[in-house]
Amino acid sequence: MAKYWLIKVYGIVQGVNFRYNTKERADKLGLRGTVKNLGDGSVEICISGSDESIKNLINWLKSSPNSCKVSKVIVDKLENDKNIYNDFKIVF
């Protein structure tokens, strides 16, 4: 059974290329999953991969990369997800 992490990122994270930058970082770290904008202005990331790579991504998110301004990052571990990810995708 695959383990997934669900991350919600709040702040100025929409309209600033946040999803594209997150995908680029996730690809470099060898992570699989998705990133998408939510209606409340936050961004949701569902990922799987090594704990070390995921923690690296979380630290990067908290650093308010590029032109975004992250105010809060919430992380939950999930036992499984109905989706199986082969790569990292932006969901529109």
N, C-alpha and C. Protein backbone atom coordinates (compact mmCIF):
# COMPACT_ATOMS: atom_id res chain seq x y z
N MET A 1 0.85 -1.18 0.00
CA MET A 1 0.00 0.00 0.00
C MET A 1 0.89 1.25 0.00
N ALA A 2 0.62 2.11 -0.94
CA ALA A 2 1.41 3.33 -1.08
C ALA A 2 1.03 4.34 0.00
N LYS A 3 2.01 5.10 0.43
CA LYS A 3 1.76 6.18 1.39
C LYS A 3 1.83 7.50 0.66
N TYR A 4 0.93 8.37 1.00
CA TYR A 4 0.86 9.68 0.38
C TYR A 4 0.84 10.75 1.44
N TRP A 5 1.30 11.90 1.07
CA TRP A 5 1.25 13.08 1.93
C TRP A 5 0.33 14.08 1.27
N LEU A 6 -0.56 14.66 2.04
CA LEU A 6 -1.45 15.70 1.55
C LEU A 6 -1.01 17.01 2.19
N ILE A 7 -0.69 17.99 1.37
CA ILE A 7 -0.17 19.27 1.85
C ILE A 7 -1.07 20.38 1.34
N LYS A 8 -1.49 21.27 2.24
CA LYS A 8 -2.23 22.47 1.85
C LYS A 8 -1.36 23.68 2.17
N VAL A 9 -1.23 24.55 1.18
CA VAL A 9 -0.38 25.72 1.31
C VAL A 9 -1.26 26.96 1.20
N TYR A 10 -1.14 27.84 2.18
CA TYR A 10 -1.95 29.07 2.23
C TYR A 10 -1.05 30.29 2.08
N GLY A 11 -1.64 31.38 1.65
CA GLY A 11 -0.94 32.64 1.48
C GLY A 11 -1.16 33.15 0.07
N ILE A 12 -0.18 33.86 -0.46
CA ILE A 12 -0.24 34.32 -1.84
C ILE A 12 0.42 33.23 -2.68
N VAL A 13 -0.40 32.26 -3.08
CA VAL A 13 0.12 31.08 -3.77
C VAL A 13 -0.62 30.79 -5.07
N GLN A 14 -1.53 31.66 -5.45
CA GLN A 14 -2.21 31.52 -6.74
C GLN A 14 -1.91 32.75 -7.58
N GLY A 15 -1.70 32.52 -8.88
CA GLY A 15 -1.39 33.63 -9.78
C GLY A 15 0.06 34.07 -9.75
N VAL A 16 0.93 33.26 -9.13
CA VAL A 16 2.35 33.61 -9.02
C VAL A 16 3.25 32.46 -9.48
N ASN A 17 2.73 31.61 -10.36
CA ASN A 17 3.45 30.43 -10.90
C ASN A 17 3.83 29.41 -9.83
N PHE A 18 3.10 29.41 -8.73
CA PHE A 18 3.42 28.50 -7.62
C PHE A 18 3.32 27.04 -8.03
N ARG A 19 2.24 26.67 -8.76
CA ARG A 19 2.08 25.27 -9.16
C ARG A 19 3.22 24.84 -10.10
N TYR A 20 3.59 25.70 -11.02
CA TYR A 20 4.66 25.36 -11.96
C TYR A 20 6.00 25.20 -11.24
N ASN A 21 6.28 26.09 -10.31
CA ASN A 21 7.52 25.99 -9.54
C ASN A 21 7.52 24.76 -8.65
N THR A 22 6.35 24.43 -8.09
CA THR A 22 6.24 23.23 -7.25
C THR A 22 6.48 21.98 -8.09
N LYS A 23 5.91 21.94 -9.29
CA LYS A 23 6.14 20.79 -10.17
C LYS A 23 7.61 20.65 -10.50
N GLU A 24 8.26 21.75 -10.83
CA GLU A 24 9.68 21.72 -11.16
C GLU A 24 10.50 21.16 -9.99
N ARG A 25 10.18 21.62 -8.79
CA ARG A 25 10.90 21.15 -7.59
C ARG A 25 10.61 19.67 -7.34
N ALA A 26 9.34 19.27 -7.45
CA ALA A 26 8.95 17.88 -7.22
C ALA A 26 9.64 16.95 -8.23
N ASP A 27 9.71 17.39 -9.49
CA ASP A 27 10.39 16.59 -10.51
C ASP A 27 11.86 16.41 -10.15
N LYS A 28 12.52 17.47 -9.70
CA LYS A 28 13.93 17.38 -9.32
C LYS A 28 14.14 16.42 -8.15
N LEU A 29 13.13 16.34 -7.27
CA LEU A 29 13.23 15.48 -6.09
C LEU A 29 12.73 14.06 -6.35
N GLY A 30 12.23 13.80 -7.55
CA GLY A 30 11.74 12.46 -7.89
C GLY A 30 10.41 12.12 -7.25
N LEU A 31 9.60 13.12 -6.95
CA LEU A 31 8.29 12.90 -6.32
C LEU A 31 7.22 12.67 -7.37
N ARG A 32 6.15 12.00 -6.95
CA ARG A 32 5.00 11.75 -7.81
C ARG A 32 3.76 12.32 -7.14
N GLY A 33 2.80 12.79 -7.95
CA GLY A 33 1.56 13.29 -7.38
C GLY A 33 0.96 14.40 -8.20
N THR A 34 0.24 15.29 -7.49
CA THR A 34 -0.44 16.39 -8.16
C THR A 34 -0.36 17.66 -7.33
N VAL A 35 -0.55 18.78 -8.02
CA VAL A 35 -0.68 20.08 -7.36
C VAL A 35 -1.84 20.79 -8.03
N LYS A 36 -2.71 21.41 -7.22
CA LYS A 36 -3.86 22.11 -7.80
C LYS A 36 -4.29 23.26 -6.93
N ASN A 37 -4.85 24.28 -7.59
CA ASN A 37 -5.44 25.41 -6.87
C ASN A 37 -6.78 25.00 -6.30
N LEU A 38 -7.10 25.51 -5.12
CA LEU A 38 -8.40 25.27 -4.51
C LEU A 38 -9.20 26.57 -4.50
N GLY A 39 -10.50 26.45 -4.38
CA GLY A 39 -11.39 27.59 -4.43
C GLY A 39 -11.20 28.60 -3.31
N ASP A 40 -10.59 28.18 -2.20
CA ASP A 40 -10.39 29.09 -1.07
C ASP A 40 -9.10 29.90 -1.19
N GLY A 41 -8.39 29.77 -2.33
CA GLY A 41 -7.15 30.51 -2.54
C GLY A 41 -5.89 29.75 -2.14
N SER A 42 -6.06 28.56 -1.57
CA SER A 42 -4.91 27.75 -1.20
C SER A 42 -4.52 26.82 -2.35
N VAL A 43 -3.44 26.10 -2.16
CA VAL A 43 -2.98 25.11 -3.12
C VAL A 43 -2.85 23.78 -2.40
N GLU A 44 -3.31 22.71 -3.05
CA GLU A 44 -3.25 21.36 -2.49
C GLU A 44 -2.24 20.54 -3.26
N ILE A 45 -1.39 19.85 -2.52
CA ILE A 45 -0.37 18.99 -3.11
C ILE A 45 -0.55 17.60 -2.52
N CYS A 46 -0.72 16.60 -3.38
CA CYS A 46 -0.78 15.21 -2.94
C CYS A 46 0.44 14.53 -3.54
N ILE A 47 1.34 14.03 -2.70
CA ILE A 47 2.60 13.48 -3.20
C ILE A 47 2.95 12.15 -2.56
N SER A 48 3.76 11.41 -3.29
CA SER A 48 4.38 10.21 -2.74
C SER A 48 5.85 10.22 -3.17
N GLY A 49 6.65 9.54 -2.40
CA GLY A 49 8.08 9.49 -2.65
C GLY A 49 8.81 9.24 -1.35
N SER A 50 10.10 9.40 -1.36
CA SER A 50 10.88 9.15 -0.15
C SER A 50 10.57 10.23 0.89
N ASP A 51 10.60 9.83 2.15
CA ASP A 51 10.35 10.80 3.23
C ASP A 51 11.33 11.97 3.16
N GLU A 52 12.59 11.69 2.83
CA GLU A 52 13.60 12.75 2.75
C GLU A 52 13.25 13.76 1.66
N SER A 53 12.83 13.28 0.49
CA SER A 53 12.46 14.18 -0.60
C SER A 53 11.22 14.99 -0.27
N ILE A 54 10.26 14.35 0.39
CA ILE A 54 9.03 15.05 0.76
C ILE A 54 9.34 16.13 1.80
N LYS A 55 10.17 15.82 2.77
CA LYS A 55 10.55 16.82 3.77
C LYS A 55 11.31 17.98 3.13
N ASN A 56 12.13 17.67 2.13
CA ASN A 56 12.84 18.71 1.39
C ASN A 56 11.83 19.63 0.70
N LEU A 57 10.81 19.05 0.07
CA LEU A 57 9.79 19.85 -0.60
C LEU A 57 9.03 20.71 0.41
N ILE A 58 8.68 20.15 1.55
CA ILE A 58 7.94 20.90 2.57
C ILE A 58 8.78 22.09 3.06
N ASN A 59 10.05 21.89 3.30
CA ASN A 59 10.92 23.00 3.72
C ASN A 59 11.00 24.06 2.64
N TRP A 60 11.07 23.63 1.38
CA TRP A 60 11.09 24.57 0.26
C TRP A 60 9.79 25.37 0.22
N LEU A 61 8.66 24.69 0.41
CA LEU A 61 7.36 25.38 0.41
C LEU A 61 7.30 26.44 1.51
N LYS A 62 7.77 26.08 2.69
CA LYS A 62 7.73 27.01 3.82
C LYS A 62 8.63 28.22 3.63
N SER A 63 9.58 28.13 2.72
CA SER A 63 10.51 29.23 2.50
C SER A 63 9.94 30.31 1.58
N SER A 64 8.68 30.19 1.18
CA SER A 64 8.03 31.13 0.26
C SER A 64 8.87 31.32 -1.01
N PRO A 65 9.01 30.24 -1.79
CA PRO A 65 9.87 30.32 -2.98
C PRO A 65 9.36 31.32 -4.02
N ASN A 66 10.31 31.89 -4.74
CA ASN A 66 10.02 32.81 -5.85
C ASN A 66 9.12 33.96 -5.42
N SER A 67 8.08 34.25 -6.17
CA SER A 67 7.25 35.44 -5.90
C SER A 67 6.04 35.16 -5.02
N CYS A 68 5.94 33.97 -4.46
CA CYS A 68 4.79 33.68 -3.58
C CYS A 68 5.11 34.10 -2.15
N LYS A 69 4.07 34.11 -1.32
CA LYS A 69 4.24 34.42 0.10
C LYS A 69 3.41 33.41 0.88
N VAL A 70 4.08 32.39 1.40
CA VAL A 70 3.41 31.32 2.13
C VAL A 70 3.18 31.76 3.57
N SER A 71 1.93 31.64 4.03
CA SER A 71 1.61 32.00 5.40
C SER A 71 1.43 30.76 6.29
N LYS A 72 1.06 29.63 5.66
CA LYS A 72 0.82 28.42 6.46
C LYS A 72 0.93 27.20 5.56
N VAL A 73 1.51 26.12 6.10
CA VAL A 73 1.60 24.84 5.41
C VAL A 73 1.06 23.77 6.36
N ILE A 74 0.05 23.05 5.92
CA ILE A 74 -0.53 21.96 6.72
C ILE A 74 -0.21 20.64 6.03
N VAL A 75 0.33 19.69 6.80
CA VAL A 75 0.77 18.42 6.24
C VAL A 75 0.06 17.28 6.94
N ASP A 76 -0.50 16.37 6.15
CA ASP A 76 -1.12 15.15 6.68
C ASP A 76 -0.58 13.96 5.92
N LYS A 77 -0.30 12.88 6.64
CA LYS A 77 0.07 11.63 5.99
C LYS A 77 -1.19 10.81 5.77
N LEU A 78 -1.30 10.24 4.59
CA LEU A 78 -2.43 9.38 4.26
C LEU A 78 -1.91 7.96 4.06
N GLU A 79 -2.69 6.98 4.46
CA GLU A 79 -2.26 5.60 4.27
C GLU A 79 -2.31 5.21 2.80
N ASN A 80 -3.30 5.71 2.08
CA ASN A 80 -3.36 5.43 0.65
C ASN A 80 -4.22 6.49 -0.03
N ASP A 81 -4.21 6.45 -1.32
CA ASP A 81 -4.97 7.37 -2.13
C ASP A 81 -5.59 6.54 -3.24
N LYS A 82 -6.75 6.92 -3.69
CA LYS A 82 -7.42 6.16 -4.74
C LYS A 82 -6.66 6.27 -6.07
N ASN A 83 -5.82 7.26 -6.20
CA ASN A 83 -5.04 7.47 -7.42
C ASN A 83 -3.66 6.85 -7.28
N ILE A 84 -3.12 6.41 -8.40
CA ILE A 84 -1.74 5.95 -8.45
C ILE A 84 -1.01 6.90 -9.37
N TYR A 85 0.05 7.49 -8.87
CA TYR A 85 0.78 8.51 -9.61
C TYR A 85 2.07 7.93 -10.18
N ASN A 86 2.29 8.17 -11.47
CA ASN A 86 3.53 7.75 -12.12
C ASN A 86 4.51 8.90 -12.27
N ASP A 87 4.00 10.13 -12.13
CA ASP A 87 4.82 11.31 -12.27
C ASP A 87 4.16 12.43 -11.47
N PHE A 88 4.60 13.65 -11.66
CA PHE A 88 4.01 14.78 -10.95
C PHE A 88 3.31 15.68 -11.95
N LYS A 89 2.03 15.98 -11.69
CA LYS A 89 1.23 16.74 -12.64
C LYS A 89 0.57 17.94 -11.99
N ILE A 90 0.37 18.96 -12.81
CA ILE A 90 -0.44 20.11 -12.40
C ILE A 90 -1.87 19.81 -12.81
N VAL A 91 -2.78 19.95 -11.86
CA VAL A 91 -4.20 19.73 -12.14
C VAL A 91 -4.86 21.08 -12.35
N PHE A 92 -5.58 21.20 -13.45
CA PHE A 92 -6.26 22.46 -13.76
C PHE A 92 -7.73 22.34 -13.49
